[in-house]
Amino acid sequence: MKREIVMALAAALALVPAAWANQIESVIAVDYLTVEVVMEDPLPPEETDPLRFDPAHPAFTFSDGIEMTGAPAEQDVRGYPNTYRIPVNGLDTDIIYKISYKGQKAFTFKAYDETEMTERYKDRYGSYF
């Protein structure tokens, strides 16, 4: 009986870090080569260090053949802490893409024509951009 309790407790504790893991709060296509994410918490320094970026093991994964081409770069955006720009290999218009952080729940986003992406970005952050 004790063994079963210990095993159940160990299994339950293994799930706790996953529940507290950093998560994507929002995502927007900035342009055809850049995706911006707002995270719940700051990314660890090793994930934003361009010298440590490993394309074989990216923290963010995308659908439809989209891949990270570099490390996420932190952005100083008023009112949006933990904002990062992720360079990608190229977005097409009118495709609904998915992005996931470390295999968690995927978020969707879409790229539009250049004028519309600029307008959506201004709507999000204000016209001073």
Protein backbone atom coordinates (compact mmCIF):
# COMPACT_ATOMS: atom_id res chain seq x y z
CA MET A 1 0.00 0.00 0.00
CA LYS A 2 2.78 2.43 0.89
CA ARG A 3 4.48 1.76 -2.43
CA GLU A 4 1.32 2.70 -4.36
CA ILE A 5 0.94 5.92 -2.38
CA VAL A 6 4.57 6.88 -2.99
CA MET A 7 4.21 6.11 -6.72
CA ALA A 8 1.00 8.17 -6.96
CA LEU A 9 2.60 11.08 -5.11
CA ALA A 10 5.70 10.97 -7.33
CA ALA A 11 3.51 10.96 -10.45
CA ALA A 12 1.48 13.91 -9.16
CA LEU A 13 4.62 15.90 -8.31
CA ALA A 14 6.01 15.28 -11.79
CA LEU A 15 3.03 17.15 -13.22
CA VAL A 16 3.38 20.24 -11.02
CA PRO A 17 6.19 22.01 -12.95
CA ALA A 18 4.28 21.61 -16.22
CA ALA A 19 1.29 23.40 -14.72
CA TRP A 20 3.51 26.33 -13.70
CA ALA A 21 5.55 26.47 -16.87
CA ASN A 22 5.84 29.73 -18.75
CA GLN A 23 3.09 30.17 -21.35
CA ILE A 24 2.29 32.28 -24.39
CA GLU A 25 -0.29 34.98 -23.62
CA SER A 26 -0.63 36.43 -27.13
CA VAL A 27 0.94 36.30 -30.58
CA ILE A 28 0.92 38.59 -33.63
CA ALA A 29 2.70 38.58 -36.99
CA VAL A 30 4.75 41.79 -37.17
CA ASP A 31 5.83 41.20 -40.76
CA TYR A 32 6.60 38.24 -43.02
CA LEU A 33 9.83 37.42 -41.18
CA THR A 34 8.92 38.26 -37.56
CA VAL A 35 6.43 36.92 -35.04
CA GLU A 36 5.91 38.67 -31.72
CA VAL A 37 4.85 36.81 -28.58
CA VAL A 38 3.91 38.05 -25.14
CA MET A 39 4.83 35.51 -22.49
CA GLU A 40 3.41 35.06 -19.01
CA ASP A 41 6.92 35.26 -17.52
CA PRO A 42 10.32 36.31 -18.87
CA LEU A 43 12.15 33.77 -21.02
CA PRO A 44 15.32 32.37 -19.46
CA PRO A 45 18.54 34.05 -20.68
CA GLU A 46 19.75 30.90 -22.45
CA GLU A 47 16.68 31.03 -24.73
CA THR A 48 17.32 34.65 -25.78
CA ASP A 49 21.08 34.35 -26.26
CA PRO A 50 21.81 34.37 -30.02
CA LEU A 51 25.04 32.41 -29.43
CA ARG A 52 23.12 29.59 -27.75
CA PHE A 53 20.32 29.36 -30.34
CA ASP A 54 20.02 25.76 -31.58
CA PRO A 55 17.71 25.41 -34.60
CA ALA A 56 17.51 21.66 -33.94
CA HIS A 57 15.93 22.29 -30.52
CA PRO A 58 13.88 25.51 -30.66
CA ALA A 59 11.79 26.58 -27.67
CA PHE A 60 9.04 27.74 -30.05
CA THR A 61 7.64 25.49 -32.76
CA PHE A 62 5.39 26.48 -35.63
CA SER A 63 3.06 24.76 -38.08
CA ASP A 64 3.16 24.76 -41.88
CA GLY A 65 6.94 24.57 -42.27
CA ILE A 66 7.68 27.77 -40.38
CA GLU A 67 10.90 27.65 -38.34
CA MET A 68 12.77 29.99 -36.03
CA THR A 69 15.85 31.44 -37.70
CA GLY A 70 17.29 32.99 -34.55
CA ALA A 71 16.81 33.48 -30.85
CA PRO A 72 13.84 35.49 -29.54
CA ALA A 73 14.77 39.12 -28.90
CA GLU A 74 13.19 40.92 -25.95
CA GLN A 75 11.24 44.07 -26.81
CA ASP A 76 10.58 47.03 -24.57
CA VAL A 77 6.90 47.61 -25.23
CA ARG A 78 5.00 49.83 -22.80
CA GLY A 79 2.20 47.88 -21.15
CA TYR A 80 3.35 44.51 -22.54
CA PRO A 81 6.10 43.02 -20.37
CA ASN A 82 7.80 39.82 -21.49
CA THR A 83 7.41 40.64 -25.18
CA TYR A 84 9.74 38.92 -27.65
CA ARG A 85 10.26 39.06 -31.40
CA ILE A 86 11.04 35.74 -33.05
CA PRO A 87 12.71 35.71 -36.47
CA VAL A 88 11.17 33.11 -38.81
CA ASN A 89 11.88 31.76 -42.28
CA GLY A 90 8.88 33.43 -43.94
CA LEU A 91 5.12 33.71 -43.52
CA ASP A 92 2.52 33.67 -46.26
CA THR A 93 -0.74 35.60 -46.19
CA ASP A 94 -4.05 33.99 -45.35
CA ILE A 95 -2.64 30.89 -43.63
CA ILE A 96 -3.62 30.28 -40.03
CA TYR A 97 -0.39 29.28 -38.31
CA LYS A 98 0.12 27.65 -34.94
CA ILE A 99 2.88 28.44 -32.47
CA SER A 100 3.70 26.47 -29.35
CA TYR A 101 6.19 27.05 -26.54
CA LYS A 102 7.92 23.86 -25.40
CA GLY A 103 5.09 21.66 -26.66
CA GLN A 104 2.34 23.43 -24.71
CA LYS A 105 -1.06 24.47 -26.01
CA ALA A 106 -0.72 26.03 -29.46
CA PHE A 107 -1.83 29.58 -30.25
CA THR A 108 -2.96 30.61 -33.71
CA PHE A 109 -2.06 33.68 -35.71
CA LYS A 110 -2.24 34.88 -39.28
CA ALA A 111 -0.12 37.02 -41.60
CA TYR A 112 -1.88 39.63 -43.71
CA ASP A 113 -0.75 41.93 -46.48
CA GLU A 114 1.89 44.39 -45.31
CA THR A 115 -0.45 47.36 -44.88
CA GLU A 116 -2.93 45.37 -42.81
CA MET A 117 -0.19 43.92 -40.59
CA THR A 118 1.08 47.45 -39.92
CA GLU A 119 -2.42 48.64 -39.06
CA ARG A 120 -3.05 45.69 -36.73
CA TYR A 121 0.25 46.40 -34.99
CA LYS A 122 -0.70 50.06 -34.54
CA ASP A 123 -4.12 49.01 -33.22
CA ARG A 124 -2.39 46.84 -30.66
CA TYR A 125 0.26 49.29 -29.46
CA GLY A 126 -0.79 52.72 -30.61
CA SER A 127 -0.05 54.97 -33.54
CA TYR A 128 3.42 56.05 -32.37
CA PHE A 129 4.93 53.01 -34.14
